[in-house]
Amino acid sequence: MQVDYLQQANRDMEKKQQQAEQLYSDVLAENKALKERNEELCSELVVLNKVYKNIEKEKYKGDREVDGQINTLQNESNENLLKNADLNKKVYKLKKEHASLIDENEQLHVIAEQYKIDKEYIGIMLERCEKEKKRLMEKNAKLTMAERDLVMDMERLKLTKGIYQKKSPDKVAIMVHNIEDDRDYYKMECQTLQKMLHQYLIKSPIHKDVDKDGCLNEYVKADSKKNKNTHLKKSFSPPTKE
């Protein structure tokens, strides 16, 4: 009975030993498989590490390139902003100059119109002065001739005898005196007209060259910003003397 029990126990032990050996073999096989898998994973990890390093390297390179491009674009943007500000200043300055030129052009247009009016007015007055001067010169010439004739008559009368020698010289002297007064008067009127015209031309914003007789020679450019135009309204018609 005890022998059977021991034999049965021995068989059970052998069975457990076989199971243990089988389990050990399975564990060794699994361990070997895991080791091989581990080696594969290590190889893959090395490859992945290299790939990662390459990616990091490319990323760093790409980041540097991107940073460089960003810096370049930023610099270009700053330069464009400065150029834009400079252009805005130039545009503002040009607009200001344009407005100033428009105002100046309008002022010059007004001055030109005024000059035109002054020129026409001065032309009329000059023509009147020339006519008056010519008339006075003719009158003066006639008076001079009359004076010469009267002087000659007076000299002839001085040489004659009788009543003409006693009565005529006083009348002749009076006539000569009147003729001389008329001559002096018209001469003074002519000089007055010349002086008035000369003073007007000096005060006018259009500077002119005037000869010694008061005649206008030519027009010269005037300072359009410092003078204002004035008109001479006084008439040059001299009074007549009977």
C-alpha atoms as a PDB file:
ATOM      1  CA  MET A   1       0.000   0.000   0.000  1.00  0.00           C
ATOM      2  CA  GLN A   2       2.759   2.397   0.894  1.00  0.00           C
ATOM      3  CA  VAL A   3       4.720   1.338  -2.170  1.00  0.00           C
ATOM      4  CA  ASP A   4       1.806   2.232  -4.407  1.00  0.00           C
ATOM      5  CA  TYR A   5       1.545   5.586  -2.749  1.00  0.00           C
ATOM      6  CA  LEU A   6       5.233   6.305  -3.286  1.00  0.00           C
ATOM      7  CA  GLN A   7       5.088   5.191  -6.881  1.00  0.00           C
ATOM      8  CA  GLN A   8       2.085   7.419  -7.473  1.00  0.00           C
ATOM      9  CA  ALA A   9       3.918  10.300  -5.817  1.00  0.00           C
ATOM     10  CA  ASN A  10       6.964   9.610  -7.937  1.00  0.00           C
ATOM     11  CA  ARG A  11       4.866   9.657 -11.081  1.00  0.00           C
ATOM     12  CA  ASP A  12       3.310  12.919  -9.988  1.00  0.00           C
ATOM     13  CA  MET A  13       6.725  14.388  -9.346  1.00  0.00           C
ATOM     14  CA  GLU A  14       7.976  13.244 -12.731  1.00  0.00           C
ATOM     15  CA  LYS A  15       4.918  14.741 -14.340  1.00  0.00           C
ATOM     16  CA  LYS A  16       5.491  18.042 -12.522  1.00  0.00           C
ATOM     17  CA  GLN A  17       9.153  17.869 -13.497  1.00  0.00           C
ATOM     18  CA  GLN A  18       8.208  17.386 -17.126  1.00  0.00           C
ATOM     19  CA  GLN A  19       5.788  20.280 -16.894  1.00  0.00           C
ATOM     20  CA  ALA A  20       8.473  22.369 -15.253  1.00  0.00           C
ATOM     21  CA  GLU A  21      10.981  21.427 -17.921  1.00  0.00           C
ATOM     22  CA  GLN A  22       8.410  22.215 -20.605  1.00  0.00           C
ATOM     23  CA  LEU A  23       7.666  25.518 -18.923  1.00  0.00           C
ATOM     24  CA  TYR A  24      11.394  26.235 -18.683  1.00  0.00           C
ATOM     25  CA  SER A  25      11.793  25.421 -22.380  1.00  0.00           C
ATOM     26  CA  ASP A  26       8.874  27.709 -23.199  1.00  0.00           C
ATOM     27  CA  VAL A  27      10.349  30.449 -21.036  1.00  0.00           C
ATOM     28  CA  LEU A  28      13.748  30.055 -22.716  1.00  0.00           C
ATOM     29  CA  ALA A  29      12.121  30.152 -26.136  1.00  0.00           C
ATOM     30  CA  GLU A  30      10.093  33.214 -25.166  1.00  0.00           C
ATOM     31  CA  ASN A  31      13.183  34.783 -23.658  1.00  0.00           C
ATOM     32  CA  LYS A  32      15.094  34.142 -26.858  1.00  0.00           C
ATOM     33  CA  ALA A  33      12.247  35.600 -28.889  1.00  0.00           C
ATOM     34  CA  LEU A  34      12.097  38.624 -26.609  1.00  0.00           C
ATOM     35  CA  LYS A  35      15.857  39.035 -26.860  1.00  0.00           C
ATOM     36  CA  GLU A  36      15.688  38.916 -30.637  1.00  0.00           C
ATOM     37  CA  ARG A  37      12.788  41.359 -30.571  1.00  0.00           C
ATOM     38  CA  ASN A  38      14.753  43.555 -28.234  1.00  0.00           C
ATOM     39  CA  GLU A  39      17.703  43.531 -30.634  1.00  0.00           C
ATOM     40  CA  GLU A  40      15.383  44.414 -33.501  1.00  0.00           C
ATOM     41  CA  LEU A  41      13.886  47.221 -31.454  1.00  0.00           C
ATOM     42  CA  CYS A  42      17.368  48.435 -30.550  1.00  0.00           C
ATOM     43  CA  SER A  43      18.311  48.437 -34.223  1.00  0.00           C
ATOM     44  CA  GLU A  44      15.130  50.273 -35.085  1.00  0.00           C
ATOM     45  CA  LEU A  45      15.781  52.663 -32.216  1.00  0.00           C
ATOM     46  CA  VAL A  46      19.270  53.392 -33.567  1.00  0.00           C
ATOM     47  CA  VAL A  47      17.795  54.038 -36.993  1.00  0.00           C
ATOM     48  CA  LEU A  48      15.067  56.194 -35.507  1.00  0.00           C
ATOM     49  CA  ASN A  49      17.660  58.052 -33.472  1.00  0.00           C
ATOM     50  CA  LYS A  50      19.639  58.765 -36.621  1.00  0.00           C
ATOM     51  CA  VAL A  51      16.474  59.829 -38.397  1.00  0.00           C
ATOM     52  CA  TYR A  52      15.556  62.028 -35.437  1.00  0.00           C
ATOM     53  CA  LYS A  53      18.994  63.595 -35.438  1.00  0.00           C
ATOM     54  CA  ASN A  54      18.739  64.224 -39.163  1.00  0.00           C
ATOM     55  CA  ILE A  55      15.285  65.678 -38.675  1.00  0.00           C
ATOM     56  CA  GLU A  56      16.566  67.874 -35.840  1.00  0.00           C
ATOM     57  CA  LYS A  57      19.471  68.948 -37.996  1.00  0.00           C
ATOM     58  CA  GLU A  58      17.201  69.746 -40.908  1.00  0.00           C
ATOM     59  CA  LYS A  59      14.804  71.472 -38.559  1.00  0.00           C
ATOM     60  CA  TYR A  60      17.611  73.589 -37.104  1.00  0.00           C
ATOM     61  CA  LYS A  61      18.813  74.413 -40.577  1.00  0.00           C
ATOM     62  CA  GLY A  62      15.281  75.193 -41.680  1.00  0.00           C
ATOM     63  CA  ASP A  63      14.719  77.309 -38.579  1.00  0.00           C
ATOM     64  CA  ARG A  64      17.876  79.261 -39.288  1.00  0.00           C
ATOM     65  CA  GLU A  65      16.823  79.775 -42.894  1.00  0.00           C
ATOM     66  CA  VAL A  66      13.350  80.816 -41.799  1.00  0.00           C
ATOM     67  CA  ASP A  67      14.823  83.153 -39.179  1.00  0.00           C
ATOM     68  CA  GLY A  68      17.125  84.612 -41.816  1.00  0.00           C
ATOM     69  CA  GLN A  69      14.234  85.107 -44.208  1.00  0.00           C
ATOM     70  CA  ILE A  70      12.161  86.648 -41.416  1.00  0.00           C
ATOM     71  CA  ASN A  71      14.994  89.030 -40.539  1.00  0.00           C
ATOM     72  CA  THR A  72      15.445  89.908 -44.205  1.00  0.00           C
ATOM     73  CA  LEU A  73      11.735  90.556 -44.617  1.00  0.00           C
ATOM     74  CA  GLN A  74      11.716  92.591 -41.408  1.00  0.00           C
ATOM     75  CA  ASN A  75      14.622  94.704 -42.631  1.00  0.00           C
ATOM     76  CA  GLU A  76      12.948  95.188 -45.999  1.00  0.00           C
ATOM     77  CA  SER A  77       9.732  96.132 -44.207  1.00  0.00           C
ATOM     78  CA  ASN A  78      11.584  98.709 -42.090  1.00  0.00           C
ATOM     79  CA  GLU A  79      13.302 100.117 -45.173  1.00  0.00           C
ATOM     80  CA  ASN A  80       9.968 100.299 -46.972  1.00  0.00           C
ATOM     81  CA  LEU A  81       8.448 102.105 -43.991  1.00  0.00           C
ATOM     82  CA  LEU A  82      11.292 104.635 -44.024  1.00  0.00           C
ATOM     83  CA  LYS A  83      10.978 105.066 -47.788  1.00  0.00           C
ATOM     84  CA  ASN A  84       7.218 105.445 -47.444  1.00  0.00           C
ATOM     85  CA  ALA A  85       7.654 108.092 -44.736  1.00  0.00           C
ATOM     86  CA  ASP A  86      10.198 109.898 -46.914  1.00  0.00           C
ATOM     87  CA  LEU A  87       7.852 109.734 -49.895  1.00  0.00           C
ATOM     88  CA  ASN A  88       5.004 111.079 -47.764  1.00  0.00           C
ATOM     89  CA  LYS A  89       7.203 114.013 -46.737  1.00  0.00           C
ATOM     90  CA  LYS A  90       8.121 114.652 -50.364  1.00  0.00           C
ATOM     91  CA  VAL A  91       4.468 114.421 -51.429  1.00  0.00           C
ATOM     92  CA  TYR A  92       3.472 116.848 -48.664  1.00  0.00           C
ATOM     93  CA  LYS A  93       6.263 119.208 -49.672  1.00  0.00           C
ATOM     94  CA  LEU A  94       5.284 118.982 -53.353  1.00  0.00           C
ATOM     95  CA  LYS A  95       1.630 119.608 -52.507  1.00  0.00           C
ATOM     96  CA  LYS A  96       2.640 122.625 -50.441  1.00  0.00           C
ATOM     97  CA  GLU A  97       4.849 123.925 -53.262  1.00  0.00           C
ATOM     98  CA  HIS A  98       2.033 123.251 -55.745  1.00  0.00           C
ATOM     99  CA  ALA A  99      -0.423 125.251 -53.634  1.00  0.00           C
ATOM    100  CA  SER A 100       2.149 128.027 -53.258  1.00  0.00           C
ATOM    101  CA  LEU A 101       2.732 128.070 -57.023  1.00  0.00           C
ATOM    102  CA  ILE A 102      -1.006 128.228 -57.635  1.00  0.00           C
ATOM    103  CA  ASP A 103      -1.328 131.197 -55.261  1.00  0.00           C
ATOM    104  CA  GLU A 104       1.684 132.876 -56.816  1.00  0.00           C
ATOM    105  CA  ASN A 105       0.298 132.228 -60.294  1.00  0.00           C
ATOM    106  CA  GLU A 106      -3.007 133.804 -59.310  1.00  0.00           C
ATOM    107  CA  GLN A 107      -1.189 136.808 -57.850  1.00  0.00           C
ATOM    108  CA  LEU A 108       0.929 137.120 -60.979  1.00  0.00           C
ATOM    109  CA  HIS A 109      -2.211 136.885 -63.096  1.00  0.00           C
ATOM    110  CA  VAL A 110      -3.822 139.704 -61.100  1.00  0.00           C
ATOM    111  CA  ILE A 111      -0.627 141.767 -61.307  1.00  0.00           C
ATOM    112  CA  ALA A 112      -0.355 141.079 -65.043  1.00  0.00           C
ATOM    113  CA  GLU A 113      -3.914 142.265 -65.556  1.00  0.00           C
ATOM    114  CA  GLN A 114      -3.163 145.358 -63.495  1.00  0.00           C
ATOM    115  CA  TYR A 115       0.022 145.936 -65.491  1.00  0.00           C
ATOM    116  CA  LYS A 116      -2.000 145.668 -68.669  1.00  0.00           C
ATOM    117  CA  ILE A 117      -4.454 148.268 -67.388  1.00  0.00           C
ATOM    118  CA  ASP A 118      -1.584 150.501 -66.258  1.00  0.00           C
ATOM    119  CA  LYS A 119       0.135 150.106 -69.598  1.00  0.00           C
ATOM    120  CA  GLU A 120      -2.985 151.100 -71.488  1.00  0.00           C
ATOM    121  CA  TYR A 121      -3.599 154.013 -69.131  1.00  0.00           C
ATOM    122  CA  ILE A 122       0.002 155.191 -69.326  1.00  0.00           C
ATOM    123  CA  GLY A 123      -0.119 154.866 -73.106  1.00  0.00           C
ATOM    124  CA  ILE A 124      -3.183 157.088 -73.214  1.00  0.00           C
ATOM    125  CA  MET A 125      -1.644 159.603 -70.833  1.00  0.00           C
ATOM    126  CA  LEU A 126       1.638 159.513 -72.719  1.00  0.00           C
ATOM    127  CA  GLU A 127      -0.147 160.133 -75.988  1.00  0.00           C
ATOM    128  CA  ARG A 128      -1.999 163.047 -74.424  1.00  0.00           C
ATOM    129  CA  CYS A 129       1.247 164.402 -73.012  1.00  0.00           C
ATOM    130  CA  GLU A 130       2.969 164.079 -76.367  1.00  0.00           C
ATOM    131  CA  LYS A 131       0.112 165.861 -78.112  1.00  0.00           C
ATOM    132  CA  GLU A 132       0.065 168.565 -75.448  1.00  0.00           C
ATOM    133  CA  LYS A 133       3.825 168.867 -75.650  1.00  0.00           C
ATOM    134  CA  LYS A 134       3.683 169.134 -79.424  1.00  0.00           C
ATOM    135  CA  ARG A 135       0.935 171.728 -79.194  1.00  0.00           C
ATOM    136  CA  LEU A 136       2.871 173.737 -76.617  1.00  0.00           C
ATOM    137  CA  MET A 137       6.050 173.496 -78.653  1.00  0.00           C
ATOM    138  CA  GLU A 138       4.210 174.733 -81.731  1.00  0.00           C
ATOM    139  CA  LYS A 139       2.649 177.502 -79.671  1.00  0.00           C
ATOM    140  CA  ASN A 140       6.042 178.346 -78.204  1.00  0.00           C
ATOM    141  CA  ALA A 141       7.587 178.381 -81.681  1.00  0.00           C
ATOM    142  CA  LYS A 142       4.874 180.717 -82.910  1.00  0.00           C
ATOM    143  CA  LEU A 143       5.332 182.940 -79.883  1.00  0.00           C
ATOM    144  CA  THR A 144       9.075 182.941 -80.419  1.00  0.00           C
ATOM    145  CA  MET A 145       8.631 183.926 -84.052  1.00  0.00           C
ATOM    146  CA  ALA A 146       6.138 186.598 -83.051  1.00  0.00           C
ATOM    147  CA  GLU A 147       8.532 187.828 -80.401  1.00  0.00           C
ATOM    148  CA  ARG A 148      11.358 187.974 -82.930  1.00  0.00           C
ATOM    149  CA  ASP A 149       9.172 189.826 -85.401  1.00  0.00           C
ATOM    150  CA  LEU A 150       8.054 192.273 -82.736  1.00  0.00           C
ATOM    151  CA  VAL A 151      11.606 192.835 -81.596  1.00  0.00           C
ATOM    152  CA  MET A 152      12.594 193.527 -85.168  1.00  0.00           C
ATOM    153  CA  ASP A 153       9.623 195.861 -85.553  1.00  0.00           C
ATOM    154  CA  MET A 154      10.563 197.572 -82.324  1.00  0.00           C
ATOM    155  CA  GLU A 155      14.112 198.012 -83.512  1.00  0.00           C
ATOM    156  CA  ARG A 156      12.831 199.447 -86.773  1.00  0.00           C
ATOM    157  CA  LEU A 157      10.509 201.770 -84.909  1.00  0.00           C
ATOM    158  CA  LYS A 158      13.375 202.991 -82.783  1.00  0.00           C
ATOM    159  CA  LEU A 159      15.141 204.052 -85.958  1.00  0.00           C
ATOM    160  CA  THR A 160      12.139 205.927 -87.338  1.00  0.00           C
ATOM    161  CA  LYS A 161      11.081 209.505 -86.485  1.00  0.00           C
ATOM    162  CA  GLY A 162       7.866 211.254 -85.622  1.00  0.00           C
ATOM    163  CA  ILE A 163       4.840 209.951 -83.809  1.00  0.00           C
ATOM    164  CA  TYR A 164       5.691 206.299 -84.182  1.00  0.00           C
ATOM    165  CA  GLN A 165       8.892 206.921 -82.267  1.00  0.00           C
ATOM    166  CA  LYS A 166       6.969 208.496 -79.345  1.00  0.00           C
ATOM    167  CA  LYS A 167       3.809 206.350 -79.046  1.00  0.00           C
ATOM    168  CA  SER A 168       4.533 202.909 -80.509  1.00  0.00           C
ATOM    169  CA  PRO A 169       7.413 201.693 -78.292  1.00  0.00           C
ATOM    170  CA  ASP A 170       5.169 201.475 -75.207  1.00  0.00           C
ATOM    171  CA  LYS A 171       2.572 199.358 -77.003  1.00  0.00           C
ATOM    172  CA  VAL A 172       5.246 197.224 -78.586  1.00  0.00           C
ATOM    173  CA  ALA A 173       6.931 196.727 -75.210  1.00  0.00           C
ATOM    174  CA  ILE A 174       3.598 195.677 -73.713  1.00  0.00           C
ATOM    175  CA  MET A 175       2.989 193.197 -76.544  1.00  0.00           C
ATOM    176  CA  VAL A 176       6.497 191.820 -76.200  1.00  0.00           C
ATOM    177  CA  HIS A 177       6.033 191.488 -72.455  1.00  0.00           C
ATOM    178  CA  ASN A 178       2.713 189.655 -72.944  1.00  0.00           C
ATOM    179  CA  ILE A 179       4.261 187.351 -75.513  1.00  0.00           C
ATOM    180  CA  GLU A 180       7.136 186.607 -73.151  1.00  0.00           C
ATOM    181  CA  ASP A 181       4.657 185.892 -70.354  1.00  0.00           C
ATOM    182  CA  ASP A 182       2.711 183.506 -72.608  1.00  0.00           C
ATOM    183  CA  ARG A 183       5.918 181.817 -73.640  1.00  0.00           C
ATOM    184  CA  ASP A 184       7.062 181.415 -70.031  1.00  0.00           C
ATOM    185  CA  TYR A 185       3.628 180.166 -69.000  1.00  0.00           C
ATOM    186  CA  TYR A 186       3.412 177.477 -71.664  1.00  0.00           C
ATOM    187  CA  LYS A 187       7.007 176.506 -71.045  1.00  0.00           C
ATOM    188  CA  MET A 188       6.235 176.114 -67.345  1.00  0.00           C
ATOM    189  CA  GLU A 189       3.084 174.100 -68.153  1.00  0.00           C
ATOM    190  CA  CYS A 190       5.101 171.783 -70.382  1.00  0.00           C
ATOM    191  CA  GLN A 191       7.691 171.287 -67.643  1.00  0.00           C
ATOM    192  CA  THR A 192       4.906 170.657 -65.109  1.00  0.00           C
ATOM    193  CA  LEU A 193       3.383 167.975 -67.320  1.00  0.00           C
ATOM    194  CA  GLN A 194       6.760 166.323 -67.784  1.00  0.00           C
ATOM    195  CA  LYS A 195       7.407 166.422 -64.029  1.00  0.00           C
ATOM    196  CA  MET A 196       3.985 164.924 -63.203  1.00  0.00           C
ATOM    197  CA  LEU A 197       4.466 162.122 -65.718  1.00  0.00           C
ATOM    198  CA  HIS A 198       7.974 161.457 -64.420  1.00  0.00           C
ATOM    199  CA  GLN A 199       6.752 161.269 -60.794  1.00  0.00           C
ATOM    200  CA  TYR A 200       3.954 158.911 -61.762  1.00  0.00           C
ATOM    201  CA  LEU A 201       6.312 156.611 -63.621  1.00  0.00           C
ATOM    202  CA  ILE A 202       8.661 156.532 -60.615  1.00  0.00           C
ATOM    203  CA  LYS A 203       5.823 155.620 -58.223  1.00  0.00           C
ATOM    204  CA  SER A 204       4.341 153.057 -60.595  1.00  0.00           C
ATOM    205  CA  PRO A 205       5.099 149.326 -59.837  1.00  0.00           C
ATOM    206  CA  ILE A 206       6.254 149.026 -63.435  1.00  0.00           C
ATOM    207  CA  HIS A 207       9.655 150.729 -63.498  1.00  0.00           C
ATOM    208  CA  LYS A 208      10.282 152.659 -66.675  1.00  0.00           C
ATOM    209  CA  ASP A 209      13.119 154.555 -68.301  1.00  0.00           C
ATOM    210  CA  VAL A 210      12.200 158.173 -68.908  1.00  0.00           C
ATOM    211  CA  ASP A 211      14.294 160.556 -70.987  1.00  0.00           C
ATOM    212  CA  LYS A 212      15.012 164.147 -70.097  1.00  0.00           C
ATOM    213  CA  ASP A 213      11.867 165.339 -71.942  1.00  0.00           C
ATOM    214  CA  GLY A 214       9.616 163.008 -69.915  1.00  0.00           C
ATOM    215  CA  CYS A 215       9.111 160.507 -72.753  1.00  0.00           C
ATOM    216  CA  LEU A 216       8.825 156.810 -72.096  1.00  0.00           C
ATOM    217  CA  ASN A 217      11.620 154.775 -73.652  1.00  0.00           C
ATOM    218  CA  GLU A 218      10.814 151.160 -72.675  1.00  0.00           C
ATOM    219  CA  TYR A 219       9.152 148.937 -70.084  1.00  0.00           C
ATOM    220  CA  VAL A 220      11.205 146.955 -67.642  1.00  0.00           C
ATOM    221  CA  LYS A 221      10.193 144.132 -65.323  1.00  0.00           C
ATOM    222  CA  ALA A 222       8.897 145.146 -61.885  1.00  0.00           C
ATOM    223  CA  ASP A 223       8.937 143.519 -58.480  1.00  0.00           C
ATOM    224  CA  SER A 224       5.488 141.953 -58.351  1.00  0.00           C
ATOM    225  CA  LYS A 225       5.443 141.220 -54.622  1.00  0.00           C
ATOM    226  CA  LYS A 226       6.572 144.492 -53.027  1.00  0.00           C
ATOM    227  CA  ASN A 227       4.522 147.136 -54.872  1.00  0.00           C
ATOM    228  CA  LYS A 228       0.833 147.799 -55.302  1.00  0.00           C
ATOM    229  CA  ASN A 229      -0.579 149.407 -58.414  1.00  0.00           C
ATOM    230  CA  THR A 230      -1.941 152.945 -58.228  1.00  0.00           C
ATOM    231  CA  HIS A 231      -3.544 154.996 -60.946  1.00  0.00           C
ATOM    232  CA  LEU A 232      -2.950 158.592 -61.804  1.00  0.00           C
ATOM    233  CA  LYS A 233      -6.384 160.207 -61.990  1.00  0.00           C
ATOM    234  CA  LYS A 234      -5.413 163.843 -62.452  1.00  0.00           C
ATOM    235  CA  SER A 235      -6.002 165.290 -65.910  1.00  0.00           C
ATOM    236  CA  PHE A 236      -3.118 166.819 -67.821  1.00  0.00           C
ATOM    237  CA  SER A 237      -5.151 169.449 -69.632  1.00  0.00           C
ATOM    238  CA  PRO A 238      -3.418 172.820 -69.017  1.00  0.00           C
ATOM    239  CA  PRO A 239      -5.464 175.957 -68.535  1.00  0.00           C
ATOM    240  CA  THR A 240      -5.588 178.329 -71.453  1.00  0.00           C
ATOM    241  CA  LYS A 241      -4.436 181.882 -71.102  1.00  0.00           C
ATOM    242  CA  GLU A 242      -6.068 184.617 -73.090  1.00  0.00           C
END
